[in-house]
Amino acid sequence: MDKYSHWAFEITGYKVTIHNPQEEKEVIWSAWTKFQSEKIGDLIIGKGHDSLHAVYYNYHNPKDLDKKGYDMLIGY
């Protein structure tokens, strides 16, 4: 595996929200399947990097597992 680092960057892609731990695997798997099958990456113009990223962010309440949720963005 190659190791690389870069400063702040922008990612354009497909975003999903995971609302609770029980649906986590299904939502993430569905998002990857959709991204690949619909070739969403091919629709992104002006990619900043050639590498595909999955960014997890916007954690709703990491201290309360009943309200656990976050967003995931797959893109370039």
N, C-alpha and C. Protein backbone atom coordinates (compact mmCIF):
# COMPACT_ATOMS: atom_id res chain seq x y z
N MET A 1 0.84 -1.16 0.00
CA MET A 1 0.00 0.00 0.00
C MET A 1 0.89 1.23 0.00
N ASP A 2 0.57 2.19 -0.85
CA ASP A 2 1.30 3.43 -0.91
C ASP A 2 0.85 4.36 0.20
N LYS A 3 1.77 5.10 0.73
CA LYS A 3 1.45 6.08 1.76
C LYS A 3 1.62 7.47 1.16
N TYR A 4 0.62 8.31 1.38
CA TYR A 4 0.72 9.67 0.89
C TYR A 4 0.01 10.59 1.85
N SER A 5 0.32 11.83 1.75
CA SER A 5 -0.32 12.83 2.61
C SER A 5 -0.49 14.10 1.81
N HIS A 6 -1.57 14.80 2.07
CA HIS A 6 -1.77 16.10 1.45
C HIS A 6 -2.56 16.97 2.41
N TRP A 7 -2.51 18.22 2.22
CA TRP A 7 -3.18 19.17 3.10
C TRP A 7 -4.69 19.14 2.82
N ALA A 8 -5.36 20.16 3.23
CA ALA A 8 -6.82 20.23 3.04
C ALA A 8 -7.16 20.01 1.57
N PHE A 9 -8.27 19.35 1.34
CA PHE A 9 -8.69 19.07 -0.03
C PHE A 9 -10.20 18.98 -0.07
N GLU A 10 -10.74 19.05 -1.25
CA GLU A 10 -12.18 18.93 -1.45
C GLU A 10 -12.48 17.59 -2.08
N ILE A 11 -13.62 17.05 -1.72
CA ILE A 11 -14.08 15.80 -2.31
C ILE A 11 -15.48 16.01 -2.86
N THR A 12 -15.69 15.56 -4.07
CA THR A 12 -17.01 15.58 -4.69
C THR A 12 -17.43 14.15 -4.89
N GLY A 13 -18.68 13.84 -4.53
CA GLY A 13 -19.10 12.47 -4.69
C GLY A 13 -20.51 12.21 -4.19
N TYR A 14 -20.69 11.03 -3.65
CA TYR A 14 -21.99 10.53 -3.24
C TYR A 14 -22.04 10.48 -1.71
N LYS A 15 -23.03 11.15 -1.11
CA LYS A 15 -23.15 11.24 0.34
C LYS A 15 -24.35 10.44 0.83
N VAL A 16 -24.14 9.74 1.95
CA VAL A 16 -25.23 9.05 2.64
C VAL A 16 -25.14 9.40 4.12
N THR A 17 -26.27 9.26 4.82
CA THR A 17 -26.30 9.46 6.25
C THR A 17 -26.63 8.14 6.92
N ILE A 18 -25.81 7.78 7.89
CA ILE A 18 -26.05 6.58 8.68
C ILE A 18 -26.70 7.06 9.96
N HIS A 19 -27.94 6.63 10.19
CA HIS A 19 -28.70 7.14 11.33
C HIS A 19 -28.52 6.35 12.61
N ASN A 20 -28.22 5.07 12.51
CA ASN A 20 -28.03 4.27 13.72
C ASN A 20 -27.16 3.06 13.43
N PRO A 21 -26.57 2.47 14.48
CA PRO A 21 -25.66 1.34 14.29
C PRO A 21 -26.30 0.12 13.64
N GLN A 22 -27.60 -0.08 13.84
CA GLN A 22 -28.25 -1.27 13.29
C GLN A 22 -28.29 -1.26 11.76
N GLU A 23 -28.31 -0.10 11.15
CA GLU A 23 -28.38 -0.03 9.68
C GLU A 23 -27.04 0.31 9.03
N GLU A 24 -26.02 0.45 9.84
CA GLU A 24 -24.71 0.91 9.38
C GLU A 24 -24.15 0.09 8.21
N LYS A 25 -24.02 -1.21 8.39
CA LYS A 25 -23.42 -2.06 7.35
C LYS A 25 -24.23 -2.02 6.06
N GLU A 26 -25.54 -2.08 6.18
CA GLU A 26 -26.40 -2.08 4.99
C GLU A 26 -26.30 -0.77 4.21
N VAL A 27 -26.31 0.35 4.91
CA VAL A 27 -26.25 1.66 4.25
C VAL A 27 -24.90 1.85 3.57
N ILE A 28 -23.83 1.49 4.26
CA ILE A 28 -22.49 1.66 3.69
C ILE A 28 -22.31 0.74 2.47
N TRP A 29 -22.72 -0.51 2.59
CA TRP A 29 -22.61 -1.45 1.46
C TRP A 29 -23.42 -0.96 0.27
N SER A 30 -24.63 -0.50 0.52
CA SER A 30 -25.49 0.02 -0.56
C SER A 30 -24.87 1.22 -1.23
N ALA A 31 -24.25 2.09 -0.44
CA ALA A 31 -23.62 3.30 -1.00
C ALA A 31 -22.47 2.92 -1.93
N TRP A 32 -21.62 2.00 -1.49
CA TRP A 32 -20.51 1.56 -2.34
C TRP A 32 -21.02 0.88 -3.61
N THR A 33 -22.04 0.05 -3.46
CA THR A 33 -22.61 -0.64 -4.61
C THR A 33 -23.17 0.36 -5.62
N LYS A 34 -23.92 1.34 -5.14
CA LYS A 34 -24.48 2.36 -6.02
C LYS A 34 -23.37 3.17 -6.70
N PHE A 35 -22.37 3.59 -5.92
CA PHE A 35 -21.27 4.38 -6.47
C PHE A 35 -20.59 3.64 -7.62
N GLN A 36 -20.35 2.35 -7.43
CA GLN A 36 -19.67 1.55 -8.46
C GLN A 36 -20.59 1.20 -9.63
N SER A 37 -21.80 0.73 -9.35
CA SER A 37 -22.68 0.26 -10.42
C SER A 37 -23.19 1.40 -11.30
N GLU A 38 -23.42 2.56 -10.71
CA GLU A 38 -23.90 3.71 -11.49
C GLU A 38 -22.75 4.57 -12.01
N LYS A 39 -21.53 4.14 -11.75
CA LYS A 39 -20.33 4.84 -12.22
C LYS A 39 -20.37 6.33 -11.87
N ILE A 40 -20.72 6.62 -10.63
CA ILE A 40 -20.83 8.00 -10.17
C ILE A 40 -19.48 8.71 -10.29
N GLY A 41 -18.40 7.98 -10.06
CA GLY A 41 -17.07 8.58 -10.18
C GLY A 41 -16.78 9.14 -11.56
N ASP A 42 -17.34 8.52 -12.59
CA ASP A 42 -17.13 9.00 -13.97
C ASP A 42 -17.82 10.34 -14.21
N LEU A 43 -18.80 10.67 -13.40
CA LEU A 43 -19.54 11.92 -13.58
C LEU A 43 -18.85 13.12 -12.93
N ILE A 44 -17.85 12.85 -12.12
CA ILE A 44 -17.16 13.92 -11.40
C ILE A 44 -16.11 14.54 -12.31
N ILE A 45 -16.26 15.82 -12.54
CA ILE A 45 -15.36 16.56 -13.43
C ILE A 45 -14.34 17.32 -12.58
N GLY A 46 -13.12 17.38 -13.04
CA GLY A 46 -12.08 18.15 -12.35
C GLY A 46 -11.67 17.53 -11.03
N LYS A 47 -11.41 16.23 -11.04
CA LYS A 47 -11.01 15.56 -9.81
C LYS A 47 -9.69 16.12 -9.31
N GLY A 48 -9.65 16.41 -8.02
CA GLY A 48 -8.42 16.94 -7.43
C GLY A 48 -7.34 15.88 -7.28
N HIS A 49 -7.75 14.64 -7.11
CA HIS A 49 -6.83 13.51 -6.95
C HIS A 49 -7.42 12.31 -7.70
N ASP A 50 -6.55 11.42 -8.12
CA ASP A 50 -7.01 10.20 -8.79
C ASP A 50 -7.47 9.14 -7.81
N SER A 51 -7.15 9.34 -6.54
CA SER A 51 -7.49 8.31 -5.55
C SER A 51 -8.91 8.50 -5.02
N LEU A 52 -9.57 7.37 -4.83
CA LEU A 52 -10.93 7.35 -4.31
C LEU A 52 -10.88 7.46 -2.78
N HIS A 53 -11.76 8.27 -2.22
CA HIS A 53 -11.79 8.49 -0.77
C HIS A 53 -13.17 8.16 -0.21
N ALA A 54 -13.20 7.70 1.02
CA ALA A 54 -14.43 7.60 1.80
C ALA A 54 -14.18 8.40 3.07
N VAL A 55 -14.97 9.43 3.26
CA VAL A 55 -14.78 10.31 4.41
C VAL A 55 -16.00 10.17 5.32
N TYR A 56 -15.74 9.92 6.57
CA TYR A 56 -16.79 9.82 7.58
C TYR A 56 -16.71 11.09 8.42
N TYR A 57 -17.83 11.77 8.61
CA TYR A 57 -17.80 13.07 9.28
C TYR A 57 -19.17 13.40 9.85
N ASN A 58 -19.26 14.51 10.51
CA ASN A 58 -20.52 15.04 11.03
C ASN A 58 -21.18 14.06 12.00
N TYR A 59 -20.37 13.58 12.94
CA TYR A 59 -20.90 12.64 13.94
C TYR A 59 -21.96 13.35 14.77
N HIS A 60 -23.14 12.77 14.83
CA HIS A 60 -24.27 13.42 15.48
C HIS A 60 -24.14 13.46 16.99
N ASN A 61 -23.81 12.35 17.61
CA ASN A 61 -23.62 12.32 19.05
C ASN A 61 -22.79 11.09 19.41
N PRO A 62 -21.47 11.19 19.33
CA PRO A 62 -20.63 10.02 19.55
C PRO A 62 -20.68 9.49 20.98
N LYS A 63 -21.17 10.27 21.93
CA LYS A 63 -21.22 9.83 23.32
C LYS A 63 -22.50 9.07 23.66
N ASP A 64 -23.53 9.22 22.84
CA ASP A 64 -24.82 8.57 23.09
C ASP A 64 -25.08 7.58 21.96
N LEU A 65 -24.87 6.30 22.21
CA LEU A 65 -24.99 5.29 21.15
C LEU A 65 -26.40 5.20 20.58
N ASP A 66 -27.41 5.58 21.36
CA ASP A 66 -28.77 5.57 20.83
C ASP A 66 -28.99 6.65 19.78
N LYS A 67 -28.18 7.68 19.82
CA LYS A 67 -28.30 8.78 18.86
C LYS A 67 -27.09 8.83 17.93
N LYS A 68 -26.40 7.72 17.85
CA LYS A 68 -25.22 7.65 17.01
C LYS A 68 -25.62 7.79 15.55
N GLY A 69 -24.90 8.55 14.82
CA GLY A 69 -25.14 8.73 13.40
C GLY A 69 -24.04 9.59 12.82
N TYR A 70 -23.86 9.48 11.53
CA TYR A 70 -22.82 10.26 10.87
C TYR A 70 -23.07 10.23 9.37
N ASP A 71 -22.31 11.04 8.66
CA ASP A 71 -22.39 11.10 7.21
C ASP A 71 -21.15 10.44 6.61
N MET A 72 -21.33 9.90 5.42
CA MET A 72 -20.21 9.30 4.69
C MET A 72 -20.25 9.85 3.27
N LEU A 73 -19.10 10.26 2.77
CA LEU A 73 -18.97 10.76 1.41
C LEU A 73 -17.97 9.91 0.68
N ILE A 74 -18.39 9.35 -0.46
CA ILE A 74 -17.49 8.57 -1.32
C ILE A 74 -17.23 9.41 -2.56
N GLY A 75 -15.98 9.64 -2.85
CA GLY A 75 -15.70 10.42 -4.04
C GLY A 75 -14.24 10.71 -4.27
N TYR A 76 -14.01 11.66 -5.16
CA TYR A 76 -12.65 12.06 -5.55
C TYR A 76 -12.43 13.50 -5.20
